[in-house]
């Protein structure tokens, strides 16, 4: 499972909520190189915030399923991971291109961690902005 993105819209001097709500781009989820989901005009940092908070909940052993719905889209879920009895995540999306295989906890956590790390590194390197405080502030954990 691979989560990739590109930021299309510059955010200028945006901070806080506007940074989350107005940083757009493309978001893609693929399995073994085959695209499962592609979202144009995705709110990249909104998705990252959901991923960030989910990781904190999982690490605290108070959460397991992942559910991302966007304030910019009526349809949902854009991406969900539901843990089944075999401890595998079932992956789903209202915009799925096909039905992907289930993924292990390690695969799901690694994909989300990689997405967050790459995005955070880009913002820190290119814009001097630490994303973690912004992402954590978007909702109570």
Protein backbone atom coordinates (compact mmCIF):
# COMPACT_ATOMS: atom_id res chain seq x y z
CA UNK A 1 0.00 0.00 0.00
CA UNK A 2 1.45 3.35 -1.07
CA UNK A 3 0.00 6.80 -0.46
CA UNK A 4 1.39 9.55 -2.67
CA UNK A 5 0.46 13.17 -3.19
CA UNK A 6 1.35 16.38 -4.94
CA UNK A 7 0.56 19.88 -3.75
CA UNK A 8 -0.94 21.92 -6.60
CA UNK A 9 -2.17 25.06 -4.93
CA UNK A 10 0.28 27.35 -3.17
CA UNK A 11 -0.86 28.36 0.28
CA UNK A 12 1.13 31.59 0.63
CA UNK A 13 0.84 33.02 4.11
CA UNK A 14 -1.99 30.74 5.19
CA UNK A 15 -1.91 29.50 8.75
CA UNK A 16 -4.05 27.38 11.00
CA UNK A 17 -7.40 26.31 9.63
CA UNK A 18 -6.90 28.08 6.27
CA UNK A 19 -3.66 26.17 5.76
CA UNK A 20 -5.61 22.91 6.18
CA UNK A 21 -8.64 24.02 4.15
CA UNK A 22 -6.82 25.60 1.22
CA UNK A 23 -3.79 23.40 0.58
CA UNK A 24 -4.97 21.29 -2.33
CA UNK A 25 -3.41 18.73 -4.60
CA UNK A 26 -3.73 15.18 -5.79
CA UNK A 27 -3.84 12.14 -3.54
CA UNK A 28 -3.30 8.59 -4.71
CA UNK A 29 -3.45 5.19 -3.01
CA UNK A 30 -1.95 2.24 -4.85
CA UNK A 31 -1.28 -1.42 -4.22
CA UNK A 32 1.70 -3.03 -5.97
CA UNK A 33 1.80 -0.10 -8.37
CA UNK A 34 -1.88 -0.38 -9.30
CA UNK A 35 -3.90 2.73 -8.52
CA UNK A 36 -6.82 2.05 -6.19
CA UNK A 37 -7.84 5.64 -5.55
CA UNK A 38 -7.03 8.99 -7.16
CA UNK A 39 -8.43 12.26 -5.82
CA UNK A 40 -7.96 15.54 -7.66
CA UNK A 41 -8.25 18.77 -5.66
CA UNK A 42 -7.81 16.81 -2.44
CA UNK A 43 -7.34 18.72 0.79
CA UNK A 44 -3.91 17.21 1.41
CA UNK A 45 -3.40 18.54 4.92
CA UNK A 46 -6.94 17.65 5.95
CA UNK A 47 -6.20 14.04 5.01
CA UNK A 48 -2.81 14.24 6.74
CA UNK A 49 -4.51 15.50 9.92
CA UNK A 50 -6.86 12.52 9.91
CA UNK A 51 -3.88 10.20 9.41
CA UNK A 52 -1.89 11.91 12.16
CA UNK A 53 -4.70 11.67 14.72
CA UNK A 54 -5.39 8.04 13.78
CA UNK A 55 -1.76 7.14 14.40
CA UNK A 56 -1.89 8.76 17.84
CA UNK A 57 -5.04 6.82 18.72
CA UNK A 58 -3.58 3.52 17.51
CA UNK A 59 -0.36 4.13 19.46
CA UNK A 60 -2.44 4.80 22.58
CA UNK A 61 -4.41 1.57 21.96
CA UNK A 62 -7.72 3.43 21.81
CA UNK A 63 -8.38 3.25 18.09
CA UNK A 64 -8.12 0.81 15.24
CA UNK A 65 -10.30 1.73 12.25
CA UNK A 66 -9.40 4.62 9.96
CA UNK A 67 -12.06 6.77 8.29
CA UNK A 68 -11.37 9.80 6.10
CA UNK A 69 -14.20 11.98 4.85
CA UNK A 70 -13.50 15.45 3.49
CA UNK A 71 -15.31 18.69 4.18
CA UNK A 72 -14.92 19.37 0.44
CA UNK A 73 -16.79 16.25 -0.71
CA UNK A 74 -20.34 15.02 -0.17
CA UNK A 75 -19.51 11.36 -0.76
CA UNK A 76 -17.77 9.33 1.89
CA UNK A 77 -15.67 7.62 2.91
CA UNK A 78 -12.87 8.74 0.67
CA UNK A 79 -10.66 6.19 2.38
CA UNK A 80 -11.36 3.75 5.16
CA UNK A 81 -9.46 0.92 6.80
CA UNK A 82 -11.56 -1.50 8.85
CA UNK A 83 -9.83 -4.09 10.99
CA UNK A 84 -11.38 -7.54 10.60
CA UNK A 85 -11.29 -10.62 12.83
CA UNK A 86 -8.12 -11.86 11.09
CA UNK A 87 -6.34 -8.61 12.09
CA UNK A 88 -6.22 -7.43 8.48
CA UNK A 89 -7.44 -4.06 7.28
CA UNK A 90 -10.18 -4.07 4.66
CA UNK A 91 -9.59 -1.04 2.44
CA UNK A 92 -12.53 0.84 0.96
CA UNK A 93 -13.40 4.09 -0.80
CA UNK A 94 -16.53 5.51 -2.39
CA UNK A 95 -14.30 6.34 -5.38
CA UNK A 96 -12.37 3.07 -5.59
CA UNK A 97 -11.12 1.99 -9.00
CA UNK A 98 -11.17 -1.69 -7.93
CA UNK A 99 -11.34 -3.82 -4.79
CA UNK A 100 -7.86 -4.05 -3.28
CA UNK A 101 -6.46 -6.85 -1.16
CA UNK A 102 -6.62 -6.63 2.60
CA UNK A 103 -3.49 -5.25 4.23
CA UNK A 104 -1.71 -6.07 7.44
CA UNK A 105 -1.52 -3.64 10.32
CA UNK A 106 2.16 -3.13 9.52
CA UNK A 107 1.45 -2.34 5.85
CA UNK A 108 -1.28 0.18 6.74
CA UNK A 109 0.76 1.88 9.45
CA UNK A 110 3.87 1.97 7.27
CA UNK A 111 1.99 3.54 4.34
CA UNK A 112 0.44 6.23 6.52
CA UNK A 113 3.71 6.89 8.37
CA UNK A 114 5.58 7.23 5.08
CA UNK A 115 2.95 9.64 3.71
CA UNK A 116 3.12 11.80 6.84
CA UNK A 117 6.91 11.77 7.00
CA UNK A 118 7.33 12.70 3.34
CA UNK A 119 4.76 15.48 3.60
CA UNK A 120 6.23 16.82 6.86
CA UNK A 121 9.76 16.75 5.44
CA UNK A 122 8.61 18.67 2.33
CA UNK A 123 6.90 21.39 4.35
CA UNK A 124 9.84 21.71 6.75
CA UNK A 125 12.45 21.77 3.95
CA UNK A 126 10.63 23.96 1.45
CA UNK A 127 8.64 26.26 3.72
CA UNK A 128 10.16 26.08 7.20
CA UNK A 129 6.84 24.85 8.57
CA UNK A 130 6.55 22.06 11.16
CA UNK A 131 3.28 20.30 10.35
CA UNK A 132 2.80 18.26 13.53
CA UNK A 133 1.45 21.16 15.66
CA UNK A 134 -0.97 22.19 12.88
CA UNK A 135 -2.15 18.62 12.29
CA UNK A 136 -2.55 17.88 16.01
CA UNK A 137 -4.52 21.08 16.57
CA UNK A 138 -7.22 20.10 14.05
CA UNK A 139 -9.05 17.93 16.54
CA UNK A 140 -8.94 16.45 19.96
CA UNK A 141 -7.17 13.16 20.36
